[in-house]
Protein backbone atom coordinates (compact mmCIF):
# COMPACT_ATOMS: atom_id res chain seq x y z
CA MET A 1 10.62 -3.81 -24.29
CA ASP A 2 9.55 -7.18 -23.34
CA TYR A 3 8.81 -7.28 -19.78
CA MET A 4 7.92 -10.96 -19.48
CA TYR A 5 11.39 -12.32 -20.12
CA ASP A 6 13.99 -12.57 -17.53
CA ASP A 7 16.96 -11.37 -19.60
CA TYR A 8 16.43 -7.74 -18.58
CA ASP A 9 19.65 -6.20 -17.19
CA GLY A 10 17.87 -4.20 -14.30
CA ASP A 11 16.76 -5.28 -10.88
CA VAL A 12 13.09 -6.23 -10.43
CA VAL A 13 12.50 -2.72 -8.96
CA ASP A 14 13.79 -0.99 -11.94
CA ARG A 15 11.93 -3.64 -14.28
CA ALA A 16 8.67 -2.59 -12.35
CA VAL A 17 9.19 1.42 -12.54
CA ASP A 18 9.78 0.96 -16.28
CA PHE A 19 6.79 -1.17 -16.65
CA LEU A 20 4.47 1.23 -14.72
CA ALA A 21 6.01 4.23 -16.44
CA ASP A 22 4.96 2.51 -19.82
CA ILE A 23 1.46 1.87 -18.41
CA LEU A 24 0.98 5.48 -17.25
CA SER A 25 2.32 6.67 -20.70
CA TYR A 26 -0.21 4.50 -22.56
CA MET A 27 -3.04 5.88 -20.15
CA GLY A 28 -1.94 9.51 -21.20
CA PHE A 29 -0.17 10.55 -17.94
CA ASP A 30 2.84 12.45 -17.79
CA ALA A 31 4.15 11.89 -14.37
CA GLU A 32 7.41 10.90 -12.72
CA ILE A 33 7.80 7.64 -10.46
CA HIS A 34 9.86 7.99 -7.24
CA THR A 35 10.71 4.58 -5.68
CA GLU A 36 11.38 3.59 -1.99
CA VAL A 37 11.99 0.13 -0.69
CA ILE A 38 10.96 -0.26 2.85
CA ASP A 39 10.92 -3.79 4.65
CA ASN A 40 10.86 -5.55 1.17
CA THR A 41 7.74 -3.31 0.11
CA ALA A 42 8.62 -1.28 -3.04
CA VAL A 43 6.55 1.75 -3.04
CA PHE A 44 6.14 3.68 -6.56
CA ASP A 45 5.04 7.05 -5.93
CA VAL A 46 3.62 8.43 -8.97
CA ILE A 47 4.26 12.31 -8.98
CA GLY A 48 2.81 15.10 -11.19
CA ALA A 49 -0.16 17.17 -11.72
CA ASP A 50 -1.41 14.80 -14.24
CA ALA A 51 -1.28 12.22 -11.36
CA ASP A 52 -3.85 13.94 -9.21
CA CYS A 53 -6.87 12.30 -10.85
CA LEU A 54 -5.44 8.89 -9.82
CA SER A 55 -5.09 9.60 -6.06
CA PRO A 56 -6.37 7.02 -3.83
CA GLY A 57 -7.91 9.75 -1.84
CA LYS A 58 -10.43 10.09 -4.76
CA ASP A 59 -10.72 6.26 -5.76
CA PRO A 60 -8.23 3.81 -4.62
CA SER A 61 -9.28 1.38 -7.24
CA VAL A 62 -7.21 2.74 -9.71
CA VAL A 63 -3.92 2.39 -7.86
CA ASN A 64 -4.94 -0.79 -6.46
CA ALA A 65 -5.34 -2.10 -9.92
CA LEU A 66 -1.76 -0.83 -10.97
CA ALA A 67 -0.29 -2.57 -7.85
CA TRP A 68 -2.16 -5.79 -8.81
CA VAL A 69 -0.69 -5.49 -12.42
CA LEU A 70 2.75 -5.07 -11.01
CA LYS A 71 2.39 -7.85 -8.67
CA ARG A 72 0.94 -10.33 -11.36
CA ALA A 73 3.70 -9.48 -13.84
CA ARG A 74 6.05 -12.33 -14.56
CA PHE A 75 9.14 -10.50 -13.60
CA THR A 76 7.96 -10.38 -10.00
CA LEU A 77 7.67 -13.88 -9.21
CA GLY A 78 10.19 -14.91 -6.76
CA SER A 79 11.50 -11.29 -6.28
CA GLY A 80 9.99 -11.39 -2.59
CA TYR A 81 9.01 -7.74 -2.93
CA ARG A 82 5.59 -6.33 -2.16
CA PHE A 83 4.31 -3.67 -4.62
CA ASP A 84 2.28 -0.62 -3.44
CA VAL A 85 1.48 2.24 -5.64
CA ASP A 86 1.11 5.85 -4.44
CA VAL A 87 0.05 9.08 -6.02
CA ASN A 88 1.69 12.32 -4.94
CA SER A 89 2.69 10.81 -1.55
CA TYR A 90 -1.09 10.50 -0.47
CA ARG A 91 -0.74 7.02 1.09
CA LEU A 92 2.48 8.31 2.93
CA GLU A 93 0.63 11.28 4.29
CA ARG A 94 -2.18 9.06 5.15
CA ILE A 95 0.19 6.59 7.26
CA HIS A 96 1.24 9.61 9.18
CA LYS A 97 -2.46 10.46 10.11
CA LEU A 98 -2.94 6.85 11.02
CA GLU A 99 -0.39 7.11 13.64
CA GLY A 100 -2.59 9.29 15.74
CA VAL A 101 -5.41 6.75 15.09
CA ALA A 102 -3.27 4.11 16.20
CA GLU A 103 -2.38 5.87 19.52
CA GLU A 104 -6.01 6.50 20.10
CA MET A 105 -6.95 2.64 19.66
CA HIS A 106 -3.95 1.96 22.00
CA ASP A 107 -5.26 4.32 24.45
CA LYS A 108 -8.83 2.99 24.41
CA LEU A 109 -7.29 -0.59 24.92
CA ASN A 110 -5.33 0.64 27.89
CA SER A 111 -8.41 2.41 29.37
CA GLY A 112 -10.34 -0.92 29.56
CA ILE A 113 -11.93 -1.54 26.47
CA ASP A 114 -11.76 -5.19 25.43
CA SER A 115 -11.76 -4.93 21.68
CA ILE A 116 -12.17 -2.47 18.81
CA THR A 117 -13.60 -3.16 15.23
CA CYS A 118 -12.63 -0.96 12.48
CA PHE A 119 -14.47 -0.94 9.24
CA GLY A 120 -14.19 1.18 5.86
CA MET A 121 -10.27 0.99 5.37
CA ASP A 122 -8.59 -0.15 2.34
CA ASN A 123 -5.87 -2.76 2.49
CA VAL A 124 -2.89 -0.17 2.77
CA ASP A 125 -4.69 1.47 5.63
CA ARG A 126 -5.42 -1.72 7.42
CA ARG A 127 -1.81 -3.01 6.93
CA ALA A 128 -0.60 0.48 8.32
CA LEU A 129 -2.67 0.08 11.50
CA HIS A 130 -1.47 -3.72 11.70
CA LEU A 131 2.37 -2.61 11.74
CA LEU A 132 1.78 0.38 13.95
CA LEU A 133 -0.15 -1.42 16.56
CA ASN A 134 1.66 -4.71 16.57
CA ALA A 135 4.88 -2.82 17.59
CA ASP A 136 3.41 -3.34 20.95
CA PRO A 137 3.50 -7.04 21.94
CA THR A 138 0.34 -6.51 24.27
CA VAL A 139 -1.97 -5.55 21.29
CA LYS A 140 -3.19 -8.14 18.88
CA THR A 141 -4.83 -7.19 15.53
CA GLU A 142 -6.51 -9.32 12.90
CA SER A 143 -8.22 -8.59 9.61
CA ASN A 144 -11.63 -10.62 9.10
CA GLY A 145 -14.24 -10.52 6.60
CA TYR A 146 -14.28 -10.29 2.93
CA GLY A 147 -14.26 -7.49 0.15
CA SER A 148 -15.93 -4.29 1.41
CA PHE A 149 -16.82 -6.03 4.61
CA ARG A 150 -13.00 -6.73 5.53
CA HIS A 151 -12.33 -5.01 8.76
CA LEU A 152 -9.72 -4.86 11.60
CA GLU A 153 -10.32 -6.42 14.89
CA ILE A 154 -7.98 -4.93 17.67
CA SER A 155 -7.67 -6.51 21.04
CA LYS A 156 -5.32 -6.94 24.05
CA ASN A 157 -2.86 -9.96 23.62
């Protein structure tokens, strides 16, 4: 199948699943892809024992590269979807853990601390904390810096 043409019958998410499945197959992985669309973000969860070595917990660069390839594929233009790749629901579980971190940050701000700076997070973790903390209109979050020095600044609004 040629993914670079717009005459494919499926929708953008189906096309991306097919494309990702082919990439994983070429890489020698036997895995299933479960897809969920949440707030215009298509999350492709690669499931299977073969996929464990791709886990973002070991090294997020591979799944980030796969997401980057999906984003740059011609069929994603104009789709309005954001693409995230996960492996064995690692990032979903991580977001649940980050809910506790967000609560702790919120409590620190309520205890009188003016601002908090968080380093060492990848883009998915930073985005999760943005969404979790910005649910409260009294909290302001902002990502600053570049590359491995990118960090999250949290303060009272």
